Amino acid sequence: QVQLVESGGGLVQAGGSLKLSCAASGSVFRINAFGWYRQAPGKQRELVASIRSSGTTNYTDSVKGRFTISRDNAKNTVTLQMNSLKPEDTAVYYCNAKTPRPWPPYENDFWGQGTQVTVSS
């Protein structure tokens, strides 16, 4: 099993910055992709940003230009640098890791417990 532990959440004023980190441990052989998801009260969990082992990144439109995802493959960690934070960014942020699944030919998912990010106006 793979365990994911998030850190870096907290309370910040609008326009401020936070950096979230996620460390993977346990039976880690390869992580195809890391992702950061968030879930605000009354809303569905949404993908915020993802990064594959190749370095290819993807961002939801609402955070483009403000958030940056990066990973350290040697350390099995991923970070999310969040700048110019807005109150609408308030949510619980979850780290996700996808690992190879030989058969069926897809990927296994692992999730962290989440870290609260609160942005005040």
N, C-alpha and C. Protein backbone atom coordinates (compact mmCIF):
# COMPACT_ATOMS: atom_id res chain seq x y z
N GLN A 1 0.83 -1.19 0.00
CA GLN A 1 0.00 0.00 0.00
C GLN A 1 0.87 1.25 0.00
N VAL A 2 0.31 2.31 -0.54
CA VAL A 2 0.97 3.60 -0.59
C VAL A 2 0.24 4.54 0.36
N GLN A 3 1.00 5.22 1.19
CA GLN A 3 0.44 6.22 2.08
C GLN A 3 0.84 7.61 1.61
N LEU A 4 -0.10 8.54 1.65
CA LEU A 4 0.13 9.91 1.24
C LEU A 4 -0.18 10.82 2.41
N VAL A 5 0.72 11.73 2.70
CA VAL A 5 0.54 12.67 3.80
C VAL A 5 0.71 14.09 3.27
N GLU A 6 -0.34 14.90 3.42
CA GLU A 6 -0.30 16.29 2.99
C GLU A 6 0.11 17.20 4.14
N SER A 7 0.67 18.32 3.78
CA SER A 7 1.01 19.34 4.76
C SER A 7 1.03 20.70 4.08
N GLY A 8 0.97 21.75 4.87
CA GLY A 8 1.09 23.10 4.34
C GLY A 8 -0.20 23.90 4.30
N GLY A 9 -1.32 23.28 4.63
CA GLY A 9 -2.56 24.02 4.64
C GLY A 9 -2.61 25.01 5.78
N GLY A 10 -3.57 25.91 5.70
CA GLY A 10 -3.70 26.90 6.74
C GLY A 10 -4.64 28.02 6.36
N LEU A 11 -4.57 29.09 7.12
CA LEU A 11 -5.40 30.27 6.91
C LEU A 11 -4.55 31.39 6.34
N VAL A 12 -5.03 32.00 5.27
CA VAL A 12 -4.30 33.07 4.62
C VAL A 12 -5.28 34.11 4.09
N GLN A 13 -4.84 35.35 4.01
CA GLN A 13 -5.67 36.41 3.46
C GLN A 13 -5.67 36.36 1.94
N ALA A 14 -6.72 36.88 1.35
CA ALA A 14 -6.80 36.95 -0.11
C ALA A 14 -5.57 37.66 -0.67
N GLY A 15 -5.03 37.10 -1.73
CA GLY A 15 -3.83 37.64 -2.34
C GLY A 15 -2.56 37.01 -1.82
N GLY A 16 -2.67 36.24 -0.76
CA GLY A 16 -1.51 35.60 -0.18
C GLY A 16 -1.16 34.30 -0.87
N SER A 17 -0.19 33.61 -0.29
CA SER A 17 0.32 32.38 -0.88
C SER A 17 0.43 31.27 0.15
N LEU A 18 0.31 30.05 -0.32
CA LEU A 18 0.53 28.85 0.46
C LEU A 18 1.21 27.82 -0.42
N LYS A 19 1.97 26.94 0.21
CA LYS A 19 2.60 25.84 -0.50
C LYS A 19 2.21 24.53 0.16
N LEU A 20 1.54 23.68 -0.59
CA LEU A 20 1.15 22.38 -0.11
C LEU A 20 2.17 21.34 -0.53
N SER A 21 2.42 20.39 0.34
CA SER A 21 3.35 19.31 0.04
C SER A 21 2.69 17.97 0.32
N CYS A 22 3.10 16.97 -0.42
CA CYS A 22 2.58 15.62 -0.24
C CYS A 22 3.72 14.64 -0.39
N ALA A 23 3.88 13.78 0.60
CA ALA A 23 4.94 12.78 0.58
C ALA A 23 4.34 11.39 0.51
N ALA A 24 4.84 10.59 -0.40
CA ALA A 24 4.39 9.21 -0.57
C ALA A 24 5.36 8.26 0.11
N SER A 25 4.81 7.28 0.79
CA SER A 25 5.63 6.28 1.45
C SER A 25 4.94 4.92 1.36
N GLY A 26 5.63 3.88 1.81
CA GLY A 26 5.09 2.54 1.75
C GLY A 26 5.60 1.80 0.53
N SER A 27 4.73 1.04 -0.10
CA SER A 27 5.10 0.23 -1.25
C SER A 27 5.09 1.07 -2.53
N VAL A 28 6.05 1.99 -2.61
CA VAL A 28 6.13 2.88 -3.76
C VAL A 28 7.20 2.37 -4.72
N PHE A 29 6.78 1.96 -5.89
CA PHE A 29 7.69 1.53 -6.93
C PHE A 29 7.74 2.55 -8.06
N ARG A 30 6.58 3.06 -8.43
CA ARG A 30 6.47 4.07 -9.47
C ARG A 30 5.15 4.79 -9.31
N ILE A 31 5.20 6.10 -9.44
CA ILE A 31 3.99 6.91 -9.44
C ILE A 31 3.86 7.55 -10.81
N ASN A 32 2.86 7.10 -11.56
CA ASN A 32 2.66 7.62 -12.91
C ASN A 32 2.27 9.09 -12.90
N ALA A 33 1.44 9.45 -11.93
CA ALA A 33 0.96 10.82 -11.87
C ALA A 33 0.59 11.20 -10.45
N PHE A 34 0.86 12.43 -10.10
CA PHE A 34 0.37 13.04 -8.87
C PHE A 34 -0.71 14.04 -9.24
N GLY A 35 -1.68 14.18 -8.37
CA GLY A 35 -2.71 15.18 -8.57
C GLY A 35 -3.11 15.83 -7.26
N TRP A 36 -3.56 17.07 -7.37
CA TRP A 36 -4.16 17.77 -6.25
C TRP A 36 -5.62 18.01 -6.57
N TYR A 37 -6.47 17.58 -5.68
CA TYR A 37 -7.91 17.79 -5.79
C TYR A 37 -8.36 18.66 -4.63
N ARG A 38 -9.52 19.27 -4.78
CA ARG A 38 -10.07 20.04 -3.69
C ARG A 38 -11.59 19.86 -3.65
N GLN A 39 -12.12 20.02 -2.46
CA GLN A 39 -13.56 19.92 -2.26
C GLN A 39 -14.01 21.00 -1.30
N ALA A 40 -14.85 21.88 -1.80
CA ALA A 40 -15.43 22.95 -1.00
C ALA A 40 -16.80 22.50 -0.50
N PRO A 41 -17.28 23.11 0.58
CA PRO A 41 -18.60 22.73 1.12
C PRO A 41 -19.69 22.84 0.06
N GLY A 42 -20.47 21.78 -0.08
CA GLY A 42 -21.57 21.77 -1.02
C GLY A 42 -21.18 21.57 -2.47
N LYS A 43 -19.92 21.30 -2.73
CA LYS A 43 -19.46 21.11 -4.09
C LYS A 43 -18.81 19.75 -4.28
N GLN A 44 -18.72 19.33 -5.53
CA GLN A 44 -18.05 18.08 -5.86
C GLN A 44 -16.54 18.25 -5.77
N ARG A 45 -15.86 17.15 -5.51
CA ARG A 45 -14.41 17.19 -5.52
C ARG A 45 -13.93 17.41 -6.96
N GLU A 46 -13.00 18.32 -7.13
CA GLU A 46 -12.52 18.64 -8.46
C GLU A 46 -11.01 18.54 -8.54
N LEU A 47 -10.54 18.21 -9.72
CA LEU A 47 -9.10 18.17 -9.97
C LEU A 47 -8.59 19.60 -10.13
N VAL A 48 -7.57 19.94 -9.36
CA VAL A 48 -6.97 21.26 -9.43
C VAL A 48 -5.77 21.26 -10.37
N ALA A 49 -4.88 20.30 -10.17
CA ALA A 49 -3.67 20.22 -10.98
C ALA A 49 -3.14 18.80 -10.94
N SER A 50 -2.45 18.41 -11.98
CA SER A 50 -1.84 17.09 -12.03
C SER A 50 -0.50 17.18 -12.74
N ILE A 51 0.34 16.21 -12.47
CA ILE A 51 1.64 16.16 -13.12
C ILE A 51 2.04 14.70 -13.31
N ARG A 52 2.46 14.37 -14.52
CA ARG A 52 2.88 13.01 -14.82
C ARG A 52 4.38 12.88 -14.60
N SER A 53 4.87 11.64 -14.67
CA SER A 53 6.29 11.40 -14.45
C SER A 53 7.16 12.11 -15.48
N SER A 54 6.60 12.35 -16.66
CA SER A 54 7.31 13.06 -17.71
C SER A 54 7.45 14.55 -17.42
N GLY A 55 6.66 15.04 -16.48
CA GLY A 55 6.65 16.46 -16.17
C GLY A 55 5.48 17.21 -16.77
N THR A 56 4.69 16.55 -17.59
CA THR A 56 3.52 17.18 -18.19
C THR A 56 2.52 17.56 -17.11
N THR A 57 2.03 18.79 -17.17
CA THR A 57 1.11 19.29 -16.16
C THR A 57 -0.23 19.64 -16.76
N ASN A 58 -1.23 19.69 -15.89
CA ASN A 58 -2.58 20.07 -16.28
C ASN A 58 -3.19 20.84 -15.12
N TYR A 59 -3.90 21.92 -15.45
CA TYR A 59 -4.52 22.77 -14.44
C TYR A 59 -5.96 23.05 -14.80
N THR A 60 -6.80 23.15 -13.80
CA THR A 60 -8.15 23.61 -14.05
C THR A 60 -8.09 25.10 -14.35
N ASP A 61 -9.02 25.58 -15.18
CA ASP A 61 -8.97 26.95 -15.67
C ASP A 61 -8.91 28.00 -14.56
N SER A 62 -9.59 27.76 -13.47
CA SER A 62 -9.70 28.75 -12.41
C SER A 62 -8.38 29.02 -11.68
N VAL A 63 -7.39 28.14 -11.83
CA VAL A 63 -6.13 28.33 -11.12
C VAL A 63 -4.96 28.57 -12.05
N LYS A 64 -5.18 28.53 -13.35
CA LYS A 64 -4.09 28.74 -14.30
C LYS A 64 -3.46 30.11 -14.10
N GLY A 65 -2.15 30.12 -14.06
CA GLY A 65 -1.42 31.36 -13.84
C GLY A 65 -1.21 31.70 -12.39
N ARG A 66 -1.88 30.99 -11.48
CA ARG A 66 -1.75 31.25 -10.06
C ARG A 66 -1.11 30.09 -9.30
N PHE A 67 -1.43 28.87 -9.71
CA PHE A 67 -0.92 27.67 -9.04
C PHE A 67 0.13 26.99 -9.90
N THR A 68 1.09 26.36 -9.24
CA THR A 68 2.12 25.60 -9.93
C THR A 68 2.33 24.27 -9.22
N ILE A 69 2.24 23.19 -9.97
CA ILE A 69 2.48 21.86 -9.42
C ILE A 69 3.85 21.39 -9.86
N SER A 70 4.55 20.71 -8.98
CA SER A 70 5.86 20.17 -9.29
C SER A 70 6.07 18.88 -8.51
N ARG A 71 7.02 18.08 -8.94
CA ARG A 71 7.29 16.82 -8.25
C ARG A 71 8.78 16.52 -8.22
N ASP A 72 9.16 15.75 -7.24
CA ASP A 72 10.52 15.26 -7.11
C ASP A 72 10.41 13.74 -7.17
N ASN A 73 10.75 13.18 -8.31
CA ASN A 73 10.58 11.74 -8.50
C ASN A 73 11.46 10.91 -7.57
N ALA A 74 12.64 11.41 -7.26
CA ALA A 74 13.55 10.68 -6.39
C ALA A 74 13.02 10.59 -4.97
N LYS A 75 12.32 11.62 -4.53
CA LYS A 75 11.80 11.66 -3.17
C LYS A 75 10.33 11.27 -3.07
N ASN A 76 9.70 11.03 -4.21
CA ASN A 76 8.28 10.69 -4.24
C ASN A 76 7.43 11.73 -3.53
N THR A 77 7.67 12.97 -3.89
CA THR A 77 6.91 14.07 -3.32
C THR A 77 6.33 14.94 -4.42
N VAL A 78 5.27 15.65 -4.09
CA VAL A 78 4.66 16.59 -5.00
C VAL A 78 4.28 17.83 -4.20
N THR A 79 4.38 18.98 -4.83
CA THR A 79 4.02 20.23 -4.17
C THR A 79 3.05 21.02 -5.02
N LEU A 80 2.31 21.87 -4.38
CA LEU A 80 1.41 22.78 -5.07
C LEU A 80 1.65 24.17 -4.51
N GLN A 81 2.29 25.02 -5.31
CA GLN A 81 2.51 26.40 -4.93
C GLN A 81 1.28 27.21 -5.34
N MET A 82 0.64 27.84 -4.38
CA MET A 82 -0.58 28.58 -4.63
C MET A 82 -0.34 30.06 -4.35
N ASN A 83 -0.44 30.87 -5.38
CA ASN A 83 -0.26 32.30 -5.27
C ASN A 83 -1.56 33.03 -5.60
N SER A 84 -1.62 34.29 -5.21
CA SER A 84 -2.79 35.12 -5.48
C SER A 84 -4.08 34.41 -5.08
N LEU A 85 -4.09 33.89 -3.89
CA LEU A 85 -5.23 33.11 -3.43
C LEU A 85 -6.49 33.95 -3.31
N LYS A 86 -7.61 33.32 -3.62
CA LYS A 86 -8.92 33.95 -3.56
C LYS A 86 -9.80 33.20 -2.57
N PRO A 87 -10.81 33.86 -2.02
CA PRO A 87 -11.72 33.17 -1.10
C PRO A 87 -12.34 31.92 -1.73
N GLU A 88 -12.56 31.92 -3.03
CA GLU A 88 -13.14 30.78 -3.71
C GLU A 88 -12.21 29.57 -3.74
N ASP A 89 -10.95 29.77 -3.38
CA ASP A 89 -10.01 28.66 -3.30
C ASP A 89 -10.15 27.88 -1.99
N THR A 90 -10.95 28.39 -1.08
CA THR A 90 -11.15 27.72 0.20
C THR A 90 -11.73 26.33 -0.01
N ALA A 91 -11.06 25.33 0.53
CA ALA A 91 -11.48 23.94 0.36
C ALA A 91 -10.53 23.03 1.12
N VAL A 92 -10.90 21.77 1.19
CA VAL A 92 -9.98 20.75 1.65
C VAL A 92 -9.25 20.24 0.42
N TYR A 93 -7.94 20.26 0.48
CA TYR A 93 -7.12 19.83 -0.64
C TYR A 93 -6.57 18.43 -0.39
N TYR A 94 -6.72 17.56 -1.39
CA TYR A 94 -6.32 16.17 -1.27
C TYR A 94 -5.23 15.83 -2.28
N CYS A 95 -4.25 15.10 -1.82
CA CYS A 95 -3.21 14.59 -2.69
C CYS A 95 -3.64 13.24 -3.25
N ASN A 96 -3.37 13.02 -4.52
CA ASN A 96 -3.70 11.76 -5.18
C ASN A 96 -2.48 11.24 -5.94
N ALA A 97 -2.29 9.94 -5.90
CA ALA A 97 -1.21 9.31 -6.65
C ALA A 97 -1.75 8.14 -7.44
N LYS A 98 -1.31 8.03 -8.68
CA LYS A 98 -1.70 6.94 -9.55
C LYS A 98 -0.49 6.06 -9.82
N THR A 99 -0.65 4.76 -9.58
CA THR A 99 0.42 3.81 -9.77
C THR A 99 0.01 2.78 -10.81
N PRO A 100 0.98 2.15 -11.47
CA PRO A 100 0.65 1.19 -12.52
C PRO A 100 -0.13 -0.01 -12.00
N ARG A 101 -1.12 -0.43 -12.78
CA ARG A 101 -1.87 -1.65 -12.54
C ARG A 101 -1.77 -2.49 -13.79
N PRO A 102 -0.98 -3.58 -13.74
CA PRO A 102 -0.73 -4.39 -14.95
C PRO A 102 -2.00 -4.94 -15.59
N TRP A 103 -2.93 -5.40 -14.77
CA TRP A 103 -4.16 -5.95 -15.30
C TRP A 103 -5.29 -5.81 -14.30
N PRO A 104 -6.44 -5.29 -14.68
CA PRO A 104 -6.71 -4.61 -15.94
C PRO A 104 -5.72 -3.47 -16.19
N PRO A 105 -5.43 -3.19 -17.43
CA PRO A 105 -4.40 -2.19 -17.78
C PRO A 105 -4.86 -0.77 -17.50
N TYR A 106 -4.80 -0.37 -16.26
CA TYR A 106 -5.17 0.97 -15.88
C TYR A 106 -4.26 1.40 -14.73
N GLU A 107 -4.78 2.15 -13.77
CA GLU A 107 -3.97 2.67 -12.67
C GLU A 107 -4.70 2.52 -11.35
N ASN A 108 -3.94 2.30 -10.29
CA ASN A 108 -4.48 2.31 -8.94
C ASN A 108 -4.41 3.72 -8.38
N ASP A 109 -5.40 4.06 -7.55
CA ASP A 109 -5.47 5.38 -6.94
C ASP A 109 -5.21 5.30 -5.44
N PHE A 110 -4.47 6.27 -4.95
CA PHE A 110 -4.24 6.42 -3.52
C PHE A 110 -4.49 7.87 -3.14
N TRP A 111 -5.02 8.06 -1.94
CA TRP A 111 -5.43 9.39 -1.49
C TRP A 111 -4.87 9.72 -0.12
N GLY A 112 -4.56 10.99 0.07
CA GLY A 112 -4.19 11.48 1.38
C GLY A 112 -5.43 11.84 2.17
N GLN A 113 -5.23 12.24 3.42
CA GLN A 113 -6.35 12.57 4.29
C GLN A 113 -6.90 13.97 4.05
N GLY A 114 -6.15 14.81 3.39
CA GLY A 114 -6.59 16.15 3.08
C GLY A 114 -6.02 17.18 4.04
N THR A 115 -5.90 18.40 3.55
CA THR A 115 -5.44 19.52 4.36
C THR A 115 -6.31 20.73 4.05
N GLN A 116 -6.72 21.43 5.09
CA GLN A 116 -7.64 22.55 4.94
C GLN A 116 -6.91 23.81 4.50
N VAL A 117 -7.44 24.45 3.48
CA VAL A 117 -6.97 25.75 3.03
C VAL A 117 -8.13 26.73 3.14
N THR A 118 -7.93 27.78 3.90
CA THR A 118 -8.96 28.79 4.10
C THR A 118 -8.40 30.15 3.71
N VAL A 119 -9.10 30.83 2.81
CA VAL A 119 -8.69 32.14 2.32
C VAL A 119 -9.73 33.16 2.75
N SER A 120 -9.33 34.11 3.55
CA SER A 120 -10.23 35.14 4.04
C SER A 120 -10.23 36.34 3.11
N SER A 121 -11.36 37.03 3.03
CA SER A 121 -11.49 38.19 2.16
C SER A 121 -11.08 39.46 2.87
